[in-house]
């Protein structure tokens, strides 16, 4: 029986040191939150990379794991409301933190991380909530280091997009907050999660031609069919973006660089 007693001891020990879990809804937050918790907490993403959260339905195992999490940072998308309803009758469950509450929302648009300034506000909320729940784990020095990186990102994006004018044509309206911050016009092919009508396609192409658009942007989690048709009619190149990349700082800067290049091209051709 000695081996069995040892097994029970080992099992209970491993269970006792199991890390606490927090959830983020989309992977755009996961990289920096992982840096913030510095390996002391498991950061889980609800929607897997490469999957559109607009059509996401979680598996029961994932929802079960969510019920044992300490925190869940949400972005205000309808898919989250469906999951919240399944948690209502449970005695346990995560503290739900709605990140939309700290920003000025555009028509219920959930892509609230694409603006680096708005992301910085959300990072402050995330840090405050983590520090409240895990005061012995979360370090202010980690937050200050991340905040400084976001400051530097904002300076770089400002240098690229401040005082720029023009049109950004995208397959899906993921960049409304970034475009609002820099007074750019986002023109999205897809509207309300639906494929565009012929009339909308024609209108978009006409507007894009008037602006001299020669670059259009596909998104990794959305169909390329419509944007490929637009590119063909405009004789434009297609560049694919991933707004959900967990490498938030690098990805946001890369997106700003691509937008600036597309806007410069528009000015040349107008």
Protein backbone atom coordinates (compact mmCIF):
# COMPACT_ATOMS: atom_id res chain seq x y z
CA UNK A 1 0.00 0.00 0.00
CA UNK A 2 3.04 2.26 0.35
CA UNK A 3 3.15 2.98 -3.41
CA UNK A 4 -0.56 3.87 -3.37
CA UNK A 5 -0.07 6.33 -0.52
CA UNK A 6 2.81 7.91 -2.42
CA UNK A 7 0.61 8.19 -5.52
CA UNK A 8 -2.12 9.98 -3.56
CA UNK A 9 0.44 12.33 -2.05
CA UNK A 10 1.95 13.13 -5.45
CA UNK A 11 -1.45 13.67 -7.01
CA UNK A 12 -2.61 15.99 -4.24
CA UNK A 13 0.66 17.91 -4.45
CA UNK A 14 0.34 18.44 -8.19
CA UNK A 15 -3.26 19.50 -7.80
CA UNK A 16 -2.36 21.97 -5.06
CA UNK A 17 0.20 23.77 -7.26
CA UNK A 18 -2.05 23.95 -10.32
CA UNK A 19 -1.96 27.48 -11.72
CA UNK A 20 -5.04 29.70 -11.59
CA UNK A 21 -6.65 30.42 -14.97
CA UNK A 22 -7.88 33.60 -16.62
CA UNK A 23 -9.61 33.81 -20.00
CA UNK A 24 -9.49 36.36 -22.79
CA UNK A 25 -12.07 36.13 -25.54
CA UNK A 26 -9.72 36.57 -28.51
CA UNK A 27 -6.04 35.91 -29.04
CA UNK A 28 -5.18 39.60 -29.68
CA UNK A 29 -5.02 39.98 -25.89
CA UNK A 30 -3.29 36.76 -24.96
CA UNK A 31 0.33 37.68 -25.67
CA UNK A 32 0.51 40.80 -23.53
CA UNK A 33 -1.65 39.36 -20.75
CA UNK A 34 0.77 36.42 -20.60
CA UNK A 35 3.62 38.90 -20.17
CA UNK A 36 1.67 40.69 -17.47
CA UNK A 37 1.16 37.53 -15.40
CA UNK A 38 4.76 36.42 -16.03
CA UNK A 39 4.00 32.69 -16.13
CA UNK A 40 2.28 32.59 -12.73
CA UNK A 41 -1.21 32.30 -14.23
CA UNK A 42 -2.47 30.32 -17.22
CA UNK A 43 -3.98 32.59 -19.88
CA UNK A 44 -6.56 30.79 -22.03
CA UNK A 45 -8.13 32.11 -25.23
CA UNK A 46 -11.79 31.36 -25.80
CA UNK A 47 -11.78 31.65 -29.60
CA UNK A 48 -8.97 29.66 -31.23
CA UNK A 49 -6.62 31.45 -33.67
CA UNK A 50 -7.89 31.39 -37.24
CA UNK A 51 -11.56 31.18 -36.20
CA UNK A 52 -14.01 34.06 -36.61
CA UNK A 53 -15.54 34.93 -33.25
CA UNK A 54 -18.67 36.17 -35.04
CA UNK A 55 -19.65 32.56 -35.76
CA UNK A 56 -17.93 30.88 -32.82
CA UNK A 57 -19.67 28.18 -30.79
CA UNK A 58 -17.51 26.82 -27.95
CA UNK A 59 -17.31 23.14 -27.16
CA UNK A 60 -18.75 22.02 -23.80
CA UNK A 61 -15.24 21.17 -22.53
CA UNK A 62 -14.13 24.76 -23.09
CA UNK A 63 -17.15 26.19 -21.28
CA UNK A 64 -16.46 23.78 -18.43
CA UNK A 65 -12.90 25.08 -18.20
CA UNK A 66 -14.21 28.65 -18.23
CA UNK A 67 -16.38 27.93 -15.18
CA UNK A 68 -13.21 27.25 -13.16
CA UNK A 69 -11.41 30.41 -14.31
CA UNK A 70 -10.92 33.36 -11.97
CA UNK A 71 -11.40 36.11 -14.57
CA UNK A 72 -12.78 36.47 -18.08
CA UNK A 73 -12.02 39.61 -20.10
CA UNK A 74 -14.74 40.16 -22.70
CA UNK A 75 -14.96 42.42 -25.77
CA UNK A 76 -18.73 42.87 -26.17
CA UNK A 77 -19.53 40.44 -28.96
CA UNK A 78 -22.88 38.55 -29.06
CA UNK A 79 -21.16 35.15 -28.86
CA UNK A 80 -20.07 36.07 -25.34
CA UNK A 81 -23.64 36.72 -24.27
CA UNK A 82 -24.62 33.18 -25.25
CA UNK A 83 -21.86 31.80 -23.07
CA UNK A 84 -22.74 34.08 -20.16
CA UNK A 85 -26.27 32.67 -20.16
CA UNK A 86 -24.89 29.17 -19.76
CA UNK A 87 -22.95 30.35 -16.69
CA UNK A 88 -25.86 32.11 -14.97
CA UNK A 89 -27.17 29.11 -13.04
CA UNK A 90 -23.78 27.98 -11.79
CA UNK A 91 -22.61 28.65 -8.27
CA UNK A 92 -19.04 29.10 -9.46
CA UNK A 93 -17.67 30.96 -12.45
CA UNK A 94 -15.25 33.68 -13.46
CA UNK A 95 -15.47 37.37 -12.67
CA UNK A 96 -16.49 38.86 -16.01
CA UNK A 97 -14.79 42.12 -16.98
CA UNK A 98 -16.32 43.95 -19.96
CA UNK A 99 -13.48 45.87 -21.63
CA UNK A 100 -15.93 47.92 -23.71
CA UNK A 101 -16.92 49.86 -20.61
CA UNK A 102 -13.67 51.82 -20.55
CA UNK A 103 -13.91 53.15 -24.13
CA UNK A 104 -16.17 55.07 -26.50
CA UNK A 105 -17.76 52.24 -28.51
CA UNK A 106 -18.61 52.50 -32.22
CA UNK A 107 -22.02 50.94 -32.93
CA UNK A 108 -21.38 47.88 -30.70
CA UNK A 109 -18.22 47.10 -32.74
CA UNK A 110 -16.25 44.50 -30.71
CA UNK A 111 -12.86 45.04 -32.43
CA UNK A 112 -11.87 47.35 -29.59
CA UNK A 113 -8.17 46.45 -29.49
CA UNK A 114 -7.14 47.69 -32.96
CA UNK A 115 -6.53 51.24 -31.68
CA UNK A 116 -3.33 51.23 -29.58
CA UNK A 117 -4.56 54.10 -27.39
CA UNK A 118 -7.77 52.26 -26.62
CA UNK A 119 -5.79 49.08 -26.01
CA UNK A 120 -3.68 50.96 -23.49
CA UNK A 121 -6.83 51.90 -21.56
CA UNK A 122 -7.94 48.28 -21.61
CA UNK A 123 -4.53 47.10 -20.44
CA UNK A 124 -4.92 49.36 -17.40
CA UNK A 125 -8.28 47.73 -16.61
CA UNK A 126 -6.82 44.25 -17.09
CA UNK A 127 -3.92 45.02 -14.77
CA UNK A 128 -6.20 46.51 -12.10
CA UNK A 129 -8.50 43.49 -12.11
CA UNK A 130 -5.63 40.99 -12.08
CA UNK A 131 -3.93 42.83 -9.24
CA UNK A 132 -7.18 42.85 -7.27
CA UNK A 133 -7.70 39.08 -7.65
CA UNK A 134 -4.02 38.08 -7.47
CA UNK A 135 -2.31 40.76 -5.32
CA UNK A 136 0.63 38.51 -4.47
CA UNK A 137 1.26 37.48 -8.06
CA UNK A 138 0.77 40.51 -10.31
CA UNK A 139 3.70 42.94 -10.25
CA UNK A 140 3.41 46.63 -11.00
CA UNK A 141 6.84 46.52 -12.63
CA UNK A 142 5.52 44.11 -15.28
CA UNK A 143 2.60 46.45 -16.01
CA UNK A 144 4.84 49.52 -16.21
CA UNK A 145 7.17 47.74 -18.64
CA UNK A 146 4.24 46.77 -20.88
CA UNK A 147 2.75 50.24 -20.66
CA UNK A 148 6.05 51.72 -21.81
CA UNK A 149 6.02 49.39 -24.80
CA UNK A 150 2.52 50.53 -25.71
CA UNK A 151 3.65 54.17 -25.36
CA UNK A 152 6.42 53.46 -27.85
CA UNK A 153 3.98 51.69 -30.17
CA UNK A 154 1.66 54.71 -30.09
CA UNK A 155 4.54 57.04 -30.97
CA UNK A 156 5.48 54.87 -33.95
CA UNK A 157 1.91 54.54 -35.22
CA UNK A 158 1.40 58.30 -34.78
CA UNK A 159 4.45 58.94 -36.95
CA UNK A 160 2.96 56.73 -39.66
CA UNK A 161 -0.70 57.75 -39.63
CA UNK A 162 -1.03 61.22 -38.09
CA UNK A 163 -2.35 63.79 -40.59
CA UNK A 164 -2.91 61.14 -43.25
CA UNK A 165 -6.09 61.16 -45.32
CA UNK A 166 -7.53 58.41 -47.42
CA UNK A 167 -9.52 55.24 -47.75
CA UNK A 168 -8.76 51.80 -46.31
CA UNK A 169 -10.64 49.00 -48.10
CA UNK A 170 -11.02 45.84 -46.02
CA UNK A 171 -12.91 42.58 -46.35
CA UNK A 172 -14.44 43.01 -42.88
CA UNK A 173 -14.82 46.08 -40.69
CA UNK A 174 -12.17 45.17 -38.13
CA UNK A 175 -10.32 48.50 -38.10
CA UNK A 176 -12.96 51.10 -37.28
CA UNK A 177 -11.25 52.14 -34.04
CA UNK A 178 -7.81 52.49 -35.61
CA UNK A 179 -9.27 54.47 -38.51
CA UNK A 180 -11.27 56.72 -36.16
CA UNK A 181 -8.15 57.50 -34.16
CA UNK A 182 -6.34 58.73 -37.25
CA UNK A 183 -9.29 60.21 -39.19
CA UNK A 184 -9.09 57.59 -41.92
CA UNK A 185 -12.10 56.20 -43.77
CA UNK A 186 -12.62 52.44 -43.52
CA UNK A 187 -14.67 50.91 -46.31
CA UNK A 188 -15.72 47.35 -45.54
CA UNK A 189 -16.92 44.89 -48.14
CA UNK A 190 -18.73 42.70 -45.65
CA UNK A 191 -21.55 44.27 -43.66
CA UNK A 192 -23.25 42.73 -40.64
CA UNK A 193 -21.47 39.43 -41.17
CA UNK A 194 -23.08 38.98 -44.59
CA UNK A 195 -21.66 38.72 -48.07
CA UNK A 196 -22.08 42.00 -49.99
CA UNK A 197 -24.92 42.55 -52.42
CA UNK A 198 -24.09 43.37 -56.03
CA UNK A 199 -25.16 46.97 -55.42
CA UNK A 200 -22.82 47.28 -52.44
CA UNK A 201 -19.96 45.74 -54.39
CA UNK A 202 -20.45 48.19 -57.25
CA UNK A 203 -20.69 51.15 -54.86
CA UNK A 204 -17.52 50.13 -53.05
CA UNK A 205 -15.57 49.72 -56.27
CA UNK A 206 -16.72 53.13 -57.55
CA UNK A 207 -15.70 54.84 -54.30
CA UNK A 208 -12.36 53.03 -54.22
CA UNK A 209 -11.60 54.04 -57.82
CA UNK A 210 -12.32 57.67 -56.99
CA UNK A 211 -9.76 57.47 -54.18
CA UNK A 212 -7.12 55.78 -56.31
CA UNK A 213 -7.13 52.63 -54.17
CA UNK A 214 -4.61 50.05 -55.37
CA UNK A 215 -4.33 47.93 -52.22
CA UNK A 216 -7.18 46.06 -50.53
CA UNK A 217 -6.96 44.07 -47.33
CA UNK A 218 -8.17 40.53 -46.72
CA UNK A 219 -8.51 39.13 -43.20
CA UNK A 220 -7.25 35.74 -42.13
CA UNK A 221 -10.56 34.63 -40.60
CA UNK A 222 -12.90 35.78 -43.38
CA UNK A 223 -13.66 34.62 -46.89
CA UNK A 224 -11.42 36.02 -49.64
CA UNK A 225 -14.01 35.57 -52.37
CA UNK A 226 -15.51 39.07 -52.24
CA UNK A 227 -12.26 40.95 -51.73
CA UNK A 228 -10.65 39.05 -54.60
CA UNK A 229 -13.45 40.27 -56.86
CA UNK A 230 -12.89 43.84 -55.65
CA UNK A 231 -9.15 43.55 -56.28
CA UNK A 232 -9.81 42.27 -59.78
CA UNK A 233 -12.13 45.18 -60.62
CA UNK A 234 -9.67 47.72 -59.18
CA UNK A 235 -6.57 46.03 -60.58
CA UNK A 236 -5.34 46.16 -56.98
CA UNK A 237 -3.10 43.96 -54.88
CA UNK A 238 -4.44 41.98 -51.91
CA UNK A 239 -2.62 42.03 -48.59
CA UNK A 240 -3.80 39.77 -45.78
CA UNK A 241 -4.05 41.06 -42.22
CA UNK A 242 -4.59 39.21 -38.96
CA UNK A 243 -6.28 41.48 -36.39
CA UNK A 244 -6.29 38.60 -33.89
CA UNK A 245 -2.54 38.02 -33.78
CA UNK A 246 -1.29 37.42 -30.21
CA UNK A 247 1.84 39.44 -31.08
CA UNK A 248 -0.12 42.64 -30.51
CA UNK A 249 2.63 45.24 -30.62
CA UNK A 250 4.42 43.85 -33.68
CA UNK A 251 1.14 43.21 -35.51
CA UNK A 252 -0.32 46.66 -34.83
CA UNK A 253 2.84 48.37 -36.05
CA UNK A 254 2.92 46.14 -39.14
CA UNK A 255 -0.72 47.03 -39.89
CA UNK A 256 0.01 50.76 -39.56
CA UNK A 257 2.98 50.43 -41.91
CA UNK A 258 0.83 48.68 -44.51
CA UNK A 259 -1.92 51.28 -44.17
CA UNK A 260 0.60 54.10 -44.65
CA UNK A 261 2.01 52.45 -47.76
CA UNK A 262 -1.50 52.03 -49.21
CA UNK A 263 -2.37 55.66 -48.43
CA UNK A 264 0.85 56.91 -50.05
CA UNK A 265 -0.05 54.90 -53.13
CA UNK A 266 -3.51 56.48 -53.25
CA UNK A 267 -2.04 60.00 -53.22
CA UNK A 268 0.30 59.18 -56.08
CA UNK A 269 -2.52 57.84 -58.23
CA UNK A 270 -5.11 60.53 -57.50
